[in-house]
Amino acid sequence: GRFTISRENAKNTVYLQMNSLKPEDTA
């Protein structure tokens, strides 16, 4: 509900959109 993973195969690229970040996401 907070993070979204996606990819663009033609670019060999993966993304991670991180919303509503919390201190416990620190890493």
PDB file of all heavy atoms in Angstrom:
ATOM      1  N   GLY A   1       0.788  -1.218   0.000  1.00  0.00           N
ATOM      2  CA  GLY A   1       0.000   0.000   0.000  1.00  0.00           C
ATOM      3  C   GLY A   1       0.821   1.268   0.000  1.00  0.00           C
ATOM      4  O   GLY A   1       0.262   2.351  -0.229  1.00  0.00           O
ATOM      5  N   ARG A   2       2.114   1.149   0.254  1.00  0.00           N
ATOM      6  CA  ARG A   2       2.980   2.325   0.290  1.00  0.00           C
ATOM      7  C   ARG A   2       4.028   2.322  -0.816  1.00  0.00           C
ATOM      8  O   ARG A   2       4.378   3.383  -1.337  1.00  0.00           O
ATOM      9  CB  ARG A   2       3.692   2.420   1.642  1.00  0.00           C
ATOM     10  CG  ARG A   2       2.748   2.551   2.828  1.00  0.00           C
ATOM     11  CD  ARG A   2       3.502   2.853   4.113  1.00  0.00           C
ATOM     12  NE  ARG A   2       4.417   1.763   4.481  1.00  0.00           N
ATOM     13  CZ  ARG A   2       5.729   1.898   4.598  1.00  0.00           C
ATOM     14  NH1 ARG A   2       6.300   3.086   4.390  1.00  0.00           N
ATOM     15  NH2 ARG A   2       6.482   0.859   4.946  1.00  0.00           N
ATOM     16  N   PHE A   3       4.542   1.143  -1.152  1.00  0.00           N
ATOM     17  CA  PHE A   3       5.589   1.021  -2.167  1.00  0.00           C
ATOM     18  C   PHE A   3       5.017   0.406  -3.432  1.00  0.00           C
ATOM     19  O   PHE A   3       4.111  -0.435  -3.386  1.00  0.00           O
ATOM     20  CB  PHE A   3       6.728   0.129  -1.671  1.00  0.00           C
ATOM     21  CG  PHE A   3       7.563   0.694  -0.557  1.00  0.00           C
ATOM     22  CD1 PHE A   3       7.194   1.843   0.119  1.00  0.00           C
ATOM     23  CD2 PHE A   3       8.737   0.056  -0.192  1.00  0.00           C
ATOM     24  CE1 PHE A   3       7.969   2.349   1.155  1.00  0.00           C
ATOM     25  CE2 PHE A   3       9.522   0.551   0.837  1.00  0.00           C
ATOM     26  CZ  PHE A   3       9.137   1.698   1.510  1.00  0.00           C
ATOM     27  N   THR A   4       5.578   0.797  -4.564  1.00  0.00           N
ATOM     28  CA  THR A   4       5.200   0.229  -5.845  1.00  0.00           C
ATOM     29  C   THR A   4       6.445  -0.114  -6.640  1.00  0.00           C
ATOM     30  O   THR A   4       7.306   0.745  -6.852  1.00  0.00           O
ATOM     31  CB  THR A   4       4.329   1.199  -6.660  1.00  0.00           C
ATOM     32  OG1 THR A   4       3.156   1.549  -5.917  1.00  0.00           O
ATOM     33  CG2 THR A   4       3.907   0.548  -7.979  1.00  0.00           C
ATOM     34  N   ILE A   5       6.540  -1.361  -7.073  1.00  0.00           N
ATOM     35  CA  ILE A   5       7.653  -1.781  -7.911  1.00  0.00           C
ATOM     36  C   ILE A   5       7.182  -1.850  -9.363  1.00  0.00           C
ATOM     37  O   ILE A   5       6.046  -2.234  -9.643  1.00  0.00           O
ATOM     38  CB  ILE A   5       8.228  -3.137  -7.448  1.00  0.00           C
ATOM     39  CG1 ILE A   5       9.526  -3.456  -8.195  1.00  0.00           C
ATOM     40  CG2 ILE A   5       7.214  -4.259  -7.610  1.00  0.00           C
ATOM     41  CD1 ILE A   5      10.291  -4.648  -7.620  1.00  0.00           C
ATOM     42  N   SER A   6       8.052  -1.461 -10.270  1.00  0.00           N
ATOM     43  CA  SER A   6       7.739  -1.516 -11.686  1.00  0.00           C
ATOM     44  C   SER A   6       9.023  -1.723 -12.470  1.00  0.00           C
ATOM     45  O   SER A   6      10.126  -1.600 -11.925  1.00  0.00           O
ATOM     46  CB  SER A   6       7.021  -0.238 -12.147  1.00  0.00           C
ATOM     47  OG  SER A   6       7.847   0.897 -11.948  1.00  0.00           O
ATOM     48  N   ARG A   7       8.887  -2.035 -13.751  1.00  0.00           N
ATOM     49  CA  ARG A   7      10.068  -2.248 -14.575  1.00  0.00           C
ATOM     50  C   ARG A   7       9.805  -1.816 -16.006  1.00  0.00           C
ATOM     51  O   ARG A   7       8.666  -1.828 -16.478  1.00  0.00           O
ATOM     52  CB  ARG A   7      10.513  -3.720 -14.535  1.00  0.00           C
ATOM     53  CG  ARG A   7       9.509  -4.689 -15.141  1.00  0.00           C
ATOM     54  CD  ARG A   7       9.867  -6.139 -14.828  1.00  0.00           C
ATOM     55  NE  ARG A   7      11.003  -6.600 -15.607  1.00  0.00           N
ATOM     56  CZ  ARG A   7      11.594  -7.790 -15.434  1.00  0.00           C
ATOM     57  NH1 ARG A   7      11.169  -8.617 -14.485  1.00  0.00           N
ATOM     58  NH2 ARG A   7      12.624  -8.132 -16.202  1.00  0.00           N
ATOM     59  N   GLU A   8      10.875  -1.449 -16.682  1.00  0.00           N
ATOM     60  CA  GLU A   8      10.858  -1.176 -18.110  1.00  0.00           C
ATOM     61  C   GLU A   8      11.822  -2.172 -18.741  1.00  0.00           C
ATOM     62  O   GLU A   8      13.038  -2.000 -18.673  1.00  0.00           O
ATOM     63  CB  GLU A   8      11.284   0.252 -18.415  1.00  0.00           C
ATOM     64  CG  GLU A   8      10.332   1.306 -17.920  1.00  0.00           C
ATOM     65  CD  GLU A   8      10.726   2.691 -18.376  1.00  0.00           C
ATOM     66  OE1 GLU A   8      10.723   2.929 -19.604  1.00  0.00           O
ATOM     67  OE2 GLU A   8      11.045   3.533 -17.513  1.00  0.00           O
ATOM     68  N   ASN A   9      11.269  -3.191 -19.351  1.00  0.00           N
ATOM     69  CA  ASN A   9      12.100  -4.268 -19.880  1.00  0.00           C
ATOM     70  C   ASN A   9      13.056  -3.793 -20.969  1.00  0.00           C
ATOM     71  O   ASN A   9      14.185  -4.275 -21.063  1.00  0.00           O
ATOM     72  CB  ASN A   9      11.224  -5.402 -20.399  1.00  0.00           C
ATOM     73  CG  ASN A   9      10.509  -6.143 -19.288  1.00  0.00           C
ATOM     74  OD1 ASN A   9      10.964  -6.166 -18.147  1.00  0.00           O
ATOM     75  ND2 ASN A   9       9.386  -6.766 -19.621  1.00  0.00           N
ATOM     76  N   ALA A  10      12.604  -2.858 -21.802  1.00  0.00           N
ATOM     77  CA  ALA A  10      13.446  -2.366 -22.887  1.00  0.00           C
ATOM     78  C   ALA A  10      14.664  -1.624 -22.370  1.00  0.00           C
ATOM     79  O   ALA A  10      15.665  -1.500 -23.077  1.00  0.00           O
ATOM     80  CB  ALA A  10      12.636  -1.468 -23.817  1.00  0.00           C
ATOM     81  N   LYS A  11      14.586  -1.109 -21.146  1.00  0.00           N
ATOM     82  CA  LYS A  11      15.695  -0.384 -20.545  1.00  0.00           C
ATOM     83  C   LYS A  11      16.428  -1.199 -19.488  1.00  0.00           C
ATOM     84  O   LYS A  11      17.367  -0.706 -18.867  1.00  0.00           O
ATOM     85  CB  LYS A  11      15.201   0.914 -19.913  1.00  0.00           C
ATOM     86  CG  LYS A  11      14.636   1.910 -20.904  1.00  0.00           C
ATOM     87  CD  LYS A  11      14.215   3.189 -20.198  1.00  0.00           C
ATOM     88  CE  LYS A  11      13.684   4.209 -21.189  1.00  0.00           C
ATOM     89  NZ  LYS A  11      13.272   5.468 -20.503  1.00  0.00           N
ATOM     90  N   ASN A  12      16.003  -2.440 -19.276  1.00  0.00           N
ATOM     91  CA  ASN A  12      16.593  -3.298 -18.245  1.00  0.00           C
ATOM     92  C   ASN A  12      16.634  -2.589 -16.895  1.00  0.00           C
ATOM     93  O   ASN A  12      17.614  -2.680 -16.157  1.00  0.00           O
ATOM     94  CB  ASN A  12      18.006  -3.737 -18.645  1.00  0.00           C
ATOM     95  CG  ASN A  12      18.014  -4.661 -19.841  1.00  0.00           C
ATOM     96  OD1 ASN A  12      17.061  -5.402 -20.077  1.00  0.00           O
ATOM     97  ND2 ASN A  12      19.103  -4.630 -20.599  1.00  0.00           N
ATOM     98  N   THR A  13      15.545  -1.914 -16.582  1.00  0.00           N
ATOM     99  CA  THR A  13      15.501  -1.074 -15.400  1.00  0.00           C
ATOM    100  C   THR A  13      14.305  -1.421 -14.517  1.00  0.00           C
ATOM    101  O   THR A  13      13.212  -1.660 -15.018  1.00  0.00           O
ATOM    102  CB  THR A  13      15.436   0.412 -15.793  1.00  0.00           C
ATOM    103  OG1 THR A  13      16.607   0.751 -16.546  1.00  0.00           O
ATOM    104  CG2 THR A  13      15.376   1.306 -14.567  1.00  0.00           C
ATOM    105  N   VAL A  14      14.536  -1.426 -13.219  1.00  0.00           N
ATOM    106  CA  VAL A  14      13.482  -1.637 -12.237  1.00  0.00           C
ATOM    107  C   VAL A  14      13.435  -0.426 -11.319  1.00  0.00           C
ATOM    108  O   VAL A  14      14.464   0.184 -11.015  1.00  0.00           O
ATOM    109  CB  VAL A  14      13.703  -2.942 -11.444  1.00  0.00           C
ATOM    110  CG1 VAL A  14      14.996  -2.893 -10.637  1.00  0.00           C
ATOM    111  CG2 VAL A  14      12.511  -3.236 -10.545  1.00  0.00           C
ATOM    112  N   TYR A  15      12.230  -0.072 -10.884  1.00  0.00           N
ATOM    113  CA  TYR A  15      12.017   1.082 -10.035  1.00  0.00           C
ATOM    114  C   TYR A  15      11.310   0.670  -8.748  1.00  0.00           C
ATOM    115  O   TYR A  15      10.591  -0.328  -8.698  1.00  0.00           O
ATOM    116  CB  TYR A  15      11.148   2.127 -10.740  1.00  0.00           C
ATOM    117  CG  TYR A  15      11.648   2.538 -12.096  1.00  0.00           C
ATOM    118  CD1 TYR A  15      11.175   1.908 -13.248  1.00  0.00           C
ATOM    119  CD2 TYR A  15      12.584   3.550 -12.238  1.00  0.00           C
ATOM    120  CE1 TYR A  15      11.629   2.287 -14.496  1.00  0.00           C
ATOM    121  CE2 TYR A  15      13.039   3.932 -13.489  1.00  0.00           C
ATOM    122  CZ  TYR A  15      12.559   3.301 -14.614  1.00  0.00           C
ATOM    123  OH  TYR A  15      13.016   3.683 -15.858  1.00  0.00           O
ATOM    124  N   LEU A  16      11.506   1.464  -7.724  1.00  0.00           N
ATOM    125  CA  LEU A  16      10.751   1.312  -6.494  1.00  0.00           C
ATOM    126  C   LEU A  16      10.281   2.685  -6.055  1.00  0.00           C
ATOM    127  O   LEU A  16      11.089   3.508  -5.614  1.00  0.00           O
ATOM    128  CB  LEU A  16      11.590   0.664  -5.393  1.00  0.00           C
ATOM    129  CG  LEU A  16      10.839   0.347  -4.100  1.00  0.00           C
ATOM    130  CD1 LEU A  16       9.803  -0.753  -4.346  1.00  0.00           C
ATOM    131  CD2 LEU A  16      11.801  -0.067  -2.992  1.00  0.00           C
ATOM    132  N   GLN A  17       8.989   2.930  -6.196  1.00  0.00           N
ATOM    133  CA  GLN A  17       8.386   4.162  -5.715  1.00  0.00           C
ATOM    134  C   GLN A  17       7.978   3.960  -4.265  1.00  0.00           C
ATOM    135  O   GLN A  17       7.177   3.075  -3.963  1.00  0.00           O
ATOM    136  CB  GLN A  17       7.164   4.532  -6.558  1.00  0.00           C
ATOM    137  CG  GLN A  17       6.445   5.784  -6.102  1.00  0.00           C
ATOM    138  CD  GLN A  17       7.279   7.037  -6.276  1.00  0.00           C
ATOM    139  OE1 GLN A  17       7.872   7.240  -7.327  1.00  0.00           O
ATOM    140  NE2 GLN A  17       7.342   7.866  -5.242  1.00  0.00           N
ATOM    141  N   MET A  18       8.531   4.768  -3.383  1.00  0.00           N
ATOM    142  CA  MET A  18       8.294   4.635  -1.954  1.00  0.00           C
ATOM    143  C   MET A  18       7.560   5.871  -1.455  1.00  0.00           C
ATOM    144  O   MET A  18       8.096   6.976  -1.499  1.00  0.00           O
ATOM    145  CB  MET A  18       9.611   4.453  -1.201  1.00  0.00           C
ATOM    146  CG  MET A  18      10.434   3.263  -1.680  1.00  0.00           C
ATOM    147  SD  MET A  18      11.939   3.010  -0.702  1.00  0.00           S
ATOM    148  CE  MET A  18      12.863   4.474  -1.185  1.00  0.00           C
ATOM    149  N   ASN A  19       6.342   5.672  -0.990  1.00  0.00           N
ATOM    150  CA  ASN A  19       5.525   6.746  -0.454  1.00  0.00           C
ATOM    151  C   ASN A  19       5.245   6.507   1.023  1.00  0.00           C
ATOM    152  O   ASN A  19       5.402   5.400   1.529  1.00  0.00           O
ATOM    153  CB  ASN A  19       4.201   6.847  -1.216  1.00  0.00           C
ATOM    154  CG  ASN A  19       4.379   7.155  -2.681  1.00  0.00           C
ATOM    155  OD1 ASN A  19       5.286   7.890  -3.074  1.00  0.00           O
ATOM    156  ND2 ASN A  19       3.499   6.612  -3.522  1.00  0.00           N
ATOM    157  N   SER A  20       4.801   7.550   1.694  1.00  0.00           N
ATOM    158  CA  SER A  20       4.454   7.464   3.117  1.00  0.00           C
ATOM    159  C   SER A  20       5.559   6.798   3.922  1.00  0.00           C
ATOM    160  O   SER A  20       5.315   5.903   4.738  1.00  0.00           O
ATOM    161  CB  SER A  20       3.132   6.707   3.293  1.00  0.00           C
ATOM    162  OG  SER A  20       2.085   7.341   2.589  1.00  0.00           O
ATOM    163  N   LEU A  21       6.765   7.246   3.696  1.00  0.00           N
ATOM    164  CA  LEU A  21       7.920   6.609   4.321  1.00  0.00           C
ATOM    165  C   LEU A  21       7.904   6.763   5.835  1.00  0.00           C
ATOM    166  O   LEU A  21       7.486   7.793   6.367  1.00  0.00           O
ATOM    167  CB  LEU A  21       9.207   7.172   3.744  1.00  0.00           C
ATOM    168  CG  LEU A  21       9.563   6.629   2.354  1.00  0.00           C
ATOM    169  CD1 LEU A  21      10.561   7.533   1.652  1.00  0.00           C
ATOM    170  CD2 LEU A  21      10.116   5.213   2.479  1.00  0.00           C
ATOM    171  N   LYS A  22       8.380   5.723   6.504  1.00  0.00           N
ATOM    172  CA  LYS A  22       8.441   5.663   7.952  1.00  0.00           C
ATOM    173  C   LYS A  22       9.891   5.502   8.394  1.00  0.00           C
ATOM    174  O   LYS A  22      10.713   4.991   7.638  1.00  0.00           O
ATOM    175  CB  LYS A  22       7.631   4.475   8.470  1.00  0.00           C
ATOM    176  CG  LYS A  22       6.185   4.449   8.026  1.00  0.00           C
ATOM    177  CD  LYS A  22       5.509   3.165   8.488  1.00  0.00           C
ATOM    178  CE  LYS A  22       4.067   3.116   8.046  1.00  0.00           C
ATOM    179  NZ  LYS A  22       3.408   1.849   8.486  1.00  0.00           N
ATOM    180  N   PRO A  23      10.219   5.898   9.624  1.00  0.00           N
ATOM    181  CA  PRO A  23      11.592   5.697  10.109  1.00  0.00           C
ATOM    182  C   PRO A  23      12.053   4.248  10.001  1.00  0.00           C
ATOM    183  O   PRO A  23      13.236   4.007   9.745  1.00  0.00           O
ATOM    184  CB  PRO A  23      11.514   6.158  11.567  1.00  0.00           C
ATOM    185  CG  PRO A  23      10.443   7.196  11.558  1.00  0.00           C
ATOM    186  CD  PRO A  23       9.415   6.681  10.582  1.00  0.00           C
ATOM    187  N   GLU A  24      11.155   3.305  10.185  1.00  0.00           N
ATOM    188  CA  GLU A  24      11.531   1.906  10.096  1.00  0.00           C
ATOM    189  C   GLU A  24      11.855   1.446   8.685  1.00  0.00           C
ATOM    190  O   GLU A  24      12.307   0.316   8.488  1.00  0.00           O
ATOM    191  CB  GLU A  24      10.445   0.998  10.712  1.00  0.00           C
ATOM    192  CG  GLU A  24       9.045   1.318  10.243  1.00  0.00           C
ATOM    193  CD  GLU A  24       8.293   2.226  11.203  1.00  0.00           C
ATOM    194  OE1 GLU A  24       8.863   3.249  11.641  1.00  0.00           O
ATOM    195  OE2 GLU A  24       7.127   1.910  11.527  1.00  0.00           O
ATOM    196  N   ASP A  25      11.625   2.301   7.687  1.00  0.00           N
ATOM    197  CA  ASP A  25      12.057   2.007   6.326  1.00  0.00           C
ATOM    198  C   ASP A  25      13.536   2.308   6.115  1.00  0.00           C
ATOM    199  O   ASP A  25      14.081   1.989   5.053  1.00  0.00           O
ATOM    200  CB  ASP A  25      11.237   2.807   5.314  1.00  0.00           C
ATOM    201  CG  ASP A  25       9.771   2.417   5.303  1.00  0.00           C
ATOM    202  OD1 ASP A  25       9.478   1.202   5.364  1.00  0.00           O
ATOM    203  OD2 ASP A  25       8.923   3.319   5.225  1.00  0.00           O
ATOM    204  N   THR A  26      14.173   2.933   7.081  1.00  0.00           N
ATOM    205  CA  THR A  26      15.585   3.266   6.971  1.00  0.00           C
ATOM    206  C   THR A  26      16.413   2.001   6.809  1.00  0.00           C
ATOM    207  O   THR A  26      16.343   1.088   7.630  1.00  0.00           O
ATOM    208  CB  THR A  26      16.054   4.047   8.200  1.00  0.00           C
ATOM    209  OG1 THR A  26      15.368   5.296   8.263  1.00  0.00           O
ATOM    210  CG2 THR A  26      17.556   4.305   8.141  1.00  0.00           C
ATOM    211  N   ALA A  27      17.204   1.954   5.747  1.00  0.00           N
ATOM    212  CA  ALA A  27      18.009   0.780   5.443  1.00  0.00           C
ATOM    213  C   ALA A  27      18.839   1.058   4.203  1.00  0.00           C
ATOM    214  O   ALA A  27      18.645   2.062   3.519  1.00  0.00           O
ATOM    215  CB  ALA A  27      17.118  -0.444   5.201  1.00  0.00           C
TER     216      ALA A  27
END
